[in-house]
Amino acid sequence: MQFNEQEYIKSGRLEQYALGILSAAEAGEVKRLANKYPSIRAELDWAMKTLADSELAEPVIPRPGLKSQIMKALGVLDEAFAFDLNALPLINTSSDASQWERTVASIQPPANYKNLFGHVLRKDAKIEQILLWVRQSVRPEEHHDELESFLILEGRCECSIGGELVQLSAGDYMAVPIDLEHTVRVISDTPVKAIVQRIKIDA
């Protein structure tokens, strides 16, 4: 049977990829088809940009640990599942920190790092994902051409975003609005471990 590009585009699979809810095999299929078919690549780029634009206006401030609590209560956490490091999904409000924790469990920082240590998980022209450890704080920064978000895997921290203070702990996700200065201060006895994601915004 001949492959139908438009039917595939209408299936919703590209939006699922952008949201980061596909399995590693499914995400790999999307990437393969996007590389092969220009129409699918264009629709995928549009879906990724739409997702990024939807998060620009306001920071996402969930109640600490809410995602993990709901998932555990529903009994739908698959303790054995981990992502493919070569086909990582985007992090978002639905991301499961324990799944990410299992995925990066084999990656460890050097014992003598001072304040920050980052390990690049994924980097291309549009998306960068870093596994980051923070002992004390992250200096003030703001981004003008990329959307930054992070998913806390371990520890607790206090984030100041545009002057608003938010406390985050393991399982919490935060999207930082563009052009807003933000800082991070660790408030736990142990370092904060997080997935940091940056998505380039087209001018």
C-alpha atoms as a PDB file:
ATOM      1  CA  MET A   1       0.000   0.000   0.000  1.00  0.00           C
ATOM      2  CA  GLN A   2       1.337   3.432  -0.941  1.00  0.00           C
ATOM      3  CA  PHE A   3       2.209   5.700   1.969  1.00  0.00           C
ATOM      4  CA  ASN A   4      -0.234   8.614   2.306  1.00  0.00           C
ATOM      5  CA  GLU A   5       1.518  11.691   3.673  1.00  0.00           C
ATOM      6  CA  GLN A   6      -1.676  13.662   4.320  1.00  0.00           C
ATOM      7  CA  GLU A   7      -3.323  10.805   6.194  1.00  0.00           C
ATOM      8  CA  TYR A   8      -0.246  10.515   8.392  1.00  0.00           C
ATOM      9  CA  ILE A   9      -0.250  14.263   9.061  1.00  0.00           C
ATOM     10  CA  LYS A  10      -3.953  14.125  10.015  1.00  0.00           C
ATOM     11  CA  SER A  11      -3.367  11.173  12.373  1.00  0.00           C
ATOM     12  CA  GLY A  12      -2.165  13.426  15.210  1.00  0.00           C
ATOM     13  CA  ARG A  13       1.159  11.599  15.480  1.00  0.00           C
ATOM     14  CA  LEU A  14       3.178  14.778  14.834  1.00  0.00           C
ATOM     15  CA  GLU A  15       1.416  16.620  17.652  1.00  0.00           C
ATOM     16  CA  GLN A  16       2.043  13.638  19.944  1.00  0.00           C
ATOM     17  CA  TYR A  17       5.740  13.798  19.043  1.00  0.00           C
ATOM     18  CA  ALA A  18       5.847  17.523  19.848  1.00  0.00           C
ATOM     19  CA  LEU A  19       4.229  16.838  23.222  1.00  0.00           C
ATOM     20  CA  GLY A  20       6.800  14.132  23.970  1.00  0.00           C
ATOM     21  CA  ILE A  21       4.273  11.356  24.610  1.00  0.00           C
ATOM     22  CA  LEU A  22       5.394   8.822  22.002  1.00  0.00           C
ATOM     23  CA  SER A  23       7.463   5.754  22.735  1.00  0.00           C
ATOM     24  CA  ALA A  24      11.071   5.702  21.549  1.00  0.00           C
ATOM     25  CA  ALA A  25      10.133   3.536  18.554  1.00  0.00           C
ATOM     26  CA  GLU A  26       7.221   5.789  17.581  1.00  0.00           C
ATOM     27  CA  ALA A  27       9.355   8.923  17.934  1.00  0.00           C
ATOM     28  CA  GLY A  28      12.016   7.312  15.770  1.00  0.00           C
ATOM     29  CA  GLU A  29       9.438   6.632  13.061  1.00  0.00           C
ATOM     30  CA  VAL A  30       8.324  10.280  13.098  1.00  0.00           C
ATOM     31  CA  LYS A  31      11.928  11.471  12.712  1.00  0.00           C
ATOM     32  CA  ARG A  32      12.547   9.032   9.861  1.00  0.00           C
ATOM     33  CA  LEU A  33       9.428  10.111   7.972  1.00  0.00           C
ATOM     34  CA  ALA A  34      10.150  13.809   8.583  1.00  0.00           C
ATOM     35  CA  ASN A  35      13.589  13.358   7.048  1.00  0.00           C
ATOM     36  CA  LYS A  36      12.067  11.600   4.041  1.00  0.00           C
ATOM     37  CA  TYR A  37       8.969  13.715   3.336  1.00  0.00           C
ATOM     38  CA  PRO A  38       9.204  17.555   3.182  1.00  0.00           C
ATOM     39  CA  SER A  39       5.471  17.939   3.897  1.00  0.00           C
ATOM     40  CA  ILE A  40       5.797  15.960   7.132  1.00  0.00           C
ATOM     41  CA  ARG A  41       8.921  17.933   8.104  1.00  0.00           C
ATOM     42  CA  ALA A  42       7.033  21.208   7.562  1.00  0.00           C
ATOM     43  CA  GLU A  43       4.057  20.057   9.650  1.00  0.00           C
ATOM     44  CA  LEU A  44       6.341  18.762  12.406  1.00  0.00           C
ATOM     45  CA  ASP A  45       8.209  22.078  12.546  1.00  0.00           C
ATOM     46  CA  TRP A  46       4.862  23.875  12.745  1.00  0.00           C
ATOM     47  CA  ALA A  47       3.691  21.614  15.595  1.00  0.00           C
ATOM     48  CA  MET A  48       6.919  22.204  17.524  1.00  0.00           C
ATOM     49  CA  LYS A  49       6.700  25.981  17.072  1.00  0.00           C
ATOM     50  CA  THR A  50       3.012  26.011  18.049  1.00  0.00           C
ATOM     51  CA  LEU A  51       3.830  24.153  21.260  1.00  0.00           C
ATOM     52  CA  ALA A  52       6.632  26.594  22.040  1.00  0.00           C
ATOM     53  CA  ASP A  53       4.436  29.634  21.303  1.00  0.00           C
ATOM     54  CA  SER A  54       1.675  28.319  23.559  1.00  0.00           C
ATOM     55  CA  GLU A  55       4.064  28.389  26.524  1.00  0.00           C
ATOM     56  CA  LEU A  56       5.423  31.906  26.018  1.00  0.00           C
ATOM     57  CA  ALA A  57       2.765  33.928  27.817  1.00  0.00           C
ATOM     58  CA  GLU A  58       2.782  32.575  31.364  1.00  0.00           C
ATOM     59  CA  PRO A  59       5.029  30.332  33.460  1.00  0.00           C
ATOM     60  CA  VAL A  60       3.578  26.931  34.265  1.00  0.00           C
ATOM     61  CA  ILE A  61       3.415  26.667  38.057  1.00  0.00           C
ATOM     62  CA  PRO A  62       2.165  23.234  39.121  1.00  0.00           C
ATOM     63  CA  ARG A  63       1.664  22.187  42.718  1.00  0.00           C
ATOM     64  CA  PRO A  64       4.873  20.374  43.785  1.00  0.00           C
ATOM     65  CA  GLY A  65       4.814  16.674  42.909  1.00  0.00           C
ATOM     66  CA  LEU A  66       1.285  16.785  41.474  1.00  0.00           C
ATOM     67  CA  LYS A  67       2.107  14.898  38.272  1.00  0.00           C
ATOM     68  CA  SER A  68       3.821  11.997  40.022  1.00  0.00           C
ATOM     69  CA  GLN A  69       1.118  11.789  42.696  1.00  0.00           C
ATOM     70  CA  ILE A  70      -1.656  11.508  40.113  1.00  0.00           C
ATOM     71  CA  MET A  71       0.189   8.941  38.038  1.00  0.00           C
ATOM     72  CA  LYS A  72       0.986   6.800  41.068  1.00  0.00           C
ATOM     73  CA  ALA A  73      -2.606   7.019  42.302  1.00  0.00           C
ATOM     74  CA  LEU A  74      -3.842   5.798  38.932  1.00  0.00           C
ATOM     75  CA  GLY A  75      -1.314   2.988  38.969  1.00  0.00           C
ATOM     76  CA  VAL A  76      -0.137   3.757  35.450  1.00  0.00           C
ATOM     77  CA  LEU A  77       3.580   4.252  36.062  1.00  0.00           C
ATOM     78  CA  ASP A  78       5.658   1.684  34.224  1.00  0.00           C
ATOM     79  CA  GLU A  79       8.653   1.243  36.509  1.00  0.00           C
ATOM     80  CA  ALA A  80      10.672  -0.526  33.820  1.00  0.00           C
ATOM     81  CA  PHE A  81      10.246   1.996  31.013  1.00  0.00           C
ATOM     82  CA  ALA A  82      13.025   4.375  29.978  1.00  0.00           C
ATOM     83  CA  PHE A  83      13.445   6.579  26.915  1.00  0.00           C
ATOM     84  CA  ASP A  84      15.918   5.907  24.136  1.00  0.00           C
ATOM     85  CA  LEU A  85      18.768   8.403  24.619  1.00  0.00           C
ATOM     86  CA  ASN A  86      19.002   8.701  20.830  1.00  0.00           C
ATOM     87  CA  ALA A  87      15.310   9.632  20.447  1.00  0.00           C
ATOM     88  CA  LEU A  88      14.401  11.719  23.474  1.00  0.00           C
ATOM     89  CA  PRO A  89      10.972  13.397  23.618  1.00  0.00           C
ATOM     90  CA  LEU A  90      10.420  17.002  24.613  1.00  0.00           C
ATOM     91  CA  ILE A  91       9.691  17.697  28.249  1.00  0.00           C
ATOM     92  CA  ASN A  92       6.332  19.298  29.022  1.00  0.00           C
ATOM     93  CA  THR A  93       3.630  19.462  31.687  1.00  0.00           C
ATOM     94  CA  SER A  94       2.861  15.755  31.182  1.00  0.00           C
ATOM     95  CA  SER A  95       6.453  14.535  31.558  1.00  0.00           C
ATOM     96  CA  ASP A  96       7.110  11.822  34.129  1.00  0.00           C
ATOM     97  CA  ALA A  97      10.231  12.634  36.151  1.00  0.00           C
ATOM     98  CA  SER A  98      10.701   9.019  37.242  1.00  0.00           C
ATOM     99  CA  GLN A  99      10.802   7.917  33.595  1.00  0.00           C
ATOM    100  CA  TRP A 100      13.468  10.507  32.876  1.00  0.00           C
ATOM    101  CA  GLU A 101      15.332   9.489  36.029  1.00  0.00           C
ATOM    102  CA  ARG A 102      15.520   5.910  34.789  1.00  0.00           C
ATOM    103  CA  THR A 103      16.653   7.125  31.370  1.00  0.00           C
ATOM    104  CA  VAL A 104      19.633   9.100  32.697  1.00  0.00           C
ATOM    105  CA  ALA A 105      20.480   6.877  35.683  1.00  0.00           C
ATOM    106  CA  SER A 106      23.811   5.802  34.185  1.00  0.00           C
ATOM    107  CA  ILE A 107      25.015   9.408  33.745  1.00  0.00           C
ATOM    108  CA  GLN A 108      26.793  10.818  36.790  1.00  0.00           C
ATOM    109  CA  PRO A 109      28.606  14.108  37.463  1.00  0.00           C
ATOM    110  CA  PRO A 110      32.247  14.192  38.580  1.00  0.00           C
ATOM    111  CA  ALA A 111      32.552  14.041  42.358  1.00  0.00           C
ATOM    112  CA  ASN A 112      34.455  17.325  42.579  1.00  0.00           C
ATOM    113  CA  TYR A 113      32.253  19.664  40.531  1.00  0.00           C
ATOM    114  CA  LYS A 114      31.843  22.994  42.324  1.00  0.00           C
ATOM    115  CA  ASN A 115      28.391  24.430  41.615  1.00  0.00           C
ATOM    116  CA  LEU A 116      27.125  23.425  38.170  1.00  0.00           C
ATOM    117  CA  PHE A 117      27.675  20.427  35.949  1.00  0.00           C
ATOM    118  CA  GLY A 118      25.830  19.769  32.710  1.00  0.00           C
ATOM    119  CA  HIS A 119      25.735  16.787  30.377  1.00  0.00           C
ATOM    120  CA  VAL A 120      24.304  17.427  26.903  1.00  0.00           C
ATOM    121  CA  LEU A 121      21.665  14.822  26.051  1.00  0.00           C
ATOM    122  CA  ARG A 122      20.449  16.262  22.763  1.00  0.00           C
ATOM    123  CA  LYS A 123      21.476  19.200  20.605  1.00  0.00           C
ATOM    124  CA  ASP A 124      20.462  20.228  17.113  1.00  0.00           C
ATOM    125  CA  ALA A 125      19.574  23.436  15.294  1.00  0.00           C
ATOM    126  CA  LYS A 126      16.328  23.907  17.242  1.00  0.00           C
ATOM    127  CA  ILE A 127      16.405  21.863  20.432  1.00  0.00           C
ATOM    128  CA  GLU A 128      18.903  21.429  23.239  1.00  0.00           C
ATOM    129  CA  GLN A 129      18.376  19.181  26.268  1.00  0.00           C
ATOM    130  CA  ILE A 130      20.856  19.101  29.141  1.00  0.00           C
ATOM    131  CA  LEU A 131      21.030  16.974  32.278  1.00  0.00           C
ATOM    132  CA  LEU A 132      22.046  19.557  34.889  1.00  0.00           C
ATOM    133  CA  TRP A 133      23.201  19.316  38.502  1.00  0.00           C
ATOM    134  CA  VAL A 134      23.185  22.437  40.703  1.00  0.00           C
ATOM    135  CA  ARG A 135      24.698  22.567  44.189  1.00  0.00           C
ATOM    136  CA  GLN A 136      23.957  26.190  45.061  1.00  0.00           C
ATOM    137  CA  SER A 137      22.445  28.460  42.415  1.00  0.00           C
ATOM    138  CA  VAL A 138      22.155  29.497  38.781  1.00  0.00           C
ATOM    139  CA  ARG A 139      23.063  33.112  38.026  1.00  0.00           C
ATOM    140  CA  PRO A 140      20.396  35.464  36.609  1.00  0.00           C
ATOM    141  CA  GLU A 141      19.748  34.968  32.905  1.00  0.00           C
ATOM    142  CA  GLU A 142      17.091  35.666  30.292  1.00  0.00           C
ATOM    143  CA  HIS A 143      16.488  34.312  26.817  1.00  0.00           C
ATOM    144  CA  HIS A 144      15.383  36.378  23.844  1.00  0.00           C
ATOM    145  CA  ASP A 145      15.246  33.778  21.085  1.00  0.00           C
ATOM    146  CA  GLU A 146      14.565  30.489  22.834  1.00  0.00           C
ATOM    147  CA  LEU A 147      12.015  28.963  25.171  1.00  0.00           C
ATOM    148  CA  GLU A 148      13.582  27.413  28.261  1.00  0.00           C
ATOM    149  CA  SER A 149      11.872  24.877  30.484  1.00  0.00           C
ATOM    150  CA  PHE A 150      13.022  22.364  33.044  1.00  0.00           C
ATOM    151  CA  LEU A 151      11.889  19.204  34.791  1.00  0.00           C
ATOM    152  CA  ILE A 152      13.150  18.585  38.331  1.00  0.00           C
ATOM    153  CA  LEU A 153      14.366  15.024  38.935  1.00  0.00           C
ATOM    154  CA  GLU A 154      15.922  15.371  42.397  1.00  0.00           C
ATOM    155  CA  GLY A 155      16.211  18.012  45.113  1.00  0.00           C
ATOM    156  CA  ARG A 156      14.288  21.220  45.788  1.00  0.00           C
ATOM    157  CA  CYS A 157      14.873  24.742  44.549  1.00  0.00           C
ATOM    158  CA  GLU A 158      13.411  28.227  44.600  1.00  0.00           C
ATOM    159  CA  CYS A 159      13.027  29.942  41.235  1.00  0.00           C
ATOM    160  CA  SER A 160      12.623  33.659  40.748  1.00  0.00           C
ATOM    161  CA  ILE A 161      10.930  34.401  37.420  1.00  0.00           C
ATOM    162  CA  GLY A 162      10.272  38.034  36.680  1.00  0.00           C
ATOM    163  CA  GLY A 163      10.337  38.701  40.432  1.00  0.00           C
ATOM    164  CA  GLU A 164       7.870  35.912  41.305  1.00  0.00           C
ATOM    165  CA  LEU A 165       9.178  33.168  43.613  1.00  0.00           C
ATOM    166  CA  VAL A 166       8.195  29.557  42.986  1.00  0.00           C
ATOM    167  CA  GLN A 167       9.392  26.472  44.864  1.00  0.00           C
ATOM    168  CA  LEU A 168       9.910  23.288  42.855  1.00  0.00           C
ATOM    169  CA  SER A 169      10.721  19.718  43.838  1.00  0.00           C
ATOM    170  CA  ALA A 170      11.132  16.339  42.131  1.00  0.00           C
ATOM    171  CA  GLY A 171       8.448  15.806  39.488  1.00  0.00           C
ATOM    172  CA  ASP A 172       7.746  19.493  38.866  1.00  0.00           C
ATOM    173  CA  TYR A 173       7.931  21.172  35.458  1.00  0.00           C
ATOM    174  CA  MET A 174       8.428  24.868  34.748  1.00  0.00           C
ATOM    175  CA  ALA A 175       8.367  26.808  31.467  1.00  0.00           C
ATOM    176  CA  VAL A 176      10.087  30.196  31.553  1.00  0.00           C
ATOM    177  CA  PRO A 177       8.484  32.980  29.480  1.00  0.00           C
ATOM    178  CA  ILE A 178      10.767  34.570  26.930  1.00  0.00           C
ATOM    179  CA  ASP A 179      12.578  37.820  27.884  1.00  0.00           C
ATOM    180  CA  LEU A 180      12.027  37.333  31.637  1.00  0.00           C
ATOM    181  CA  GLU A 181      15.032  37.269  33.961  1.00  0.00           C
ATOM    182  CA  HIS A 182      15.130  34.139  36.081  1.00  0.00           C
ATOM    183  CA  THR A 183      17.362  32.603  38.727  1.00  0.00           C
ATOM    184  CA  VAL A 184      17.492  29.314  40.621  1.00  0.00           C
ATOM    185  CA  ARG A 185      18.556  28.771  44.240  1.00  0.00           C
ATOM    186  CA  VAL A 186      18.896  25.285  45.724  1.00  0.00           C
ATOM    187  CA  ILE A 187      17.035  24.901  49.044  1.00  0.00           C
ATOM    188  CA  SER A 188      17.571  21.177  49.636  1.00  0.00           C
ATOM    189  CA  ASP A 189      20.517  19.539  51.394  1.00  0.00           C
ATOM    190  CA  THR A 190      21.331  17.668  48.195  1.00  0.00           C
ATOM    191  CA  PRO A 191      21.982  19.114  44.711  1.00  0.00           C
ATOM    192  CA  VAL A 192      19.133  19.724  42.314  1.00  0.00           C
ATOM    193  CA  LYS A 193      19.154  17.426  39.298  1.00  0.00           C
ATOM    194  CA  ALA A 194      17.045  18.520  36.340  1.00  0.00           C
ATOM    195  CA  ILE A 195      16.417  18.214  32.629  1.00  0.00           C
ATOM    196  CA  VAL A 196      16.873  21.650  31.046  1.00  0.00           C
ATOM    197  CA  GLN A 197      15.370  22.172  27.609  1.00  0.00           C
ATOM    198  CA  ARG A 198      15.789  25.089  25.206  1.00  0.00           C
ATOM    199  CA  ILE A 199      13.781  25.436  21.989  1.00  0.00           C
ATOM    200  CA  LYS A 200      14.813  28.035  19.425  1.00  0.00           C
ATOM    201  CA  ILE A 201      12.064  30.464  18.477  1.00  0.00           C
ATOM    202  CA  ASP A 202      11.955  31.542  14.843  1.00  0.00           C
ATOM    203  CA  ALA A 203      12.154  35.294  14.352  1.00  0.00           C
END
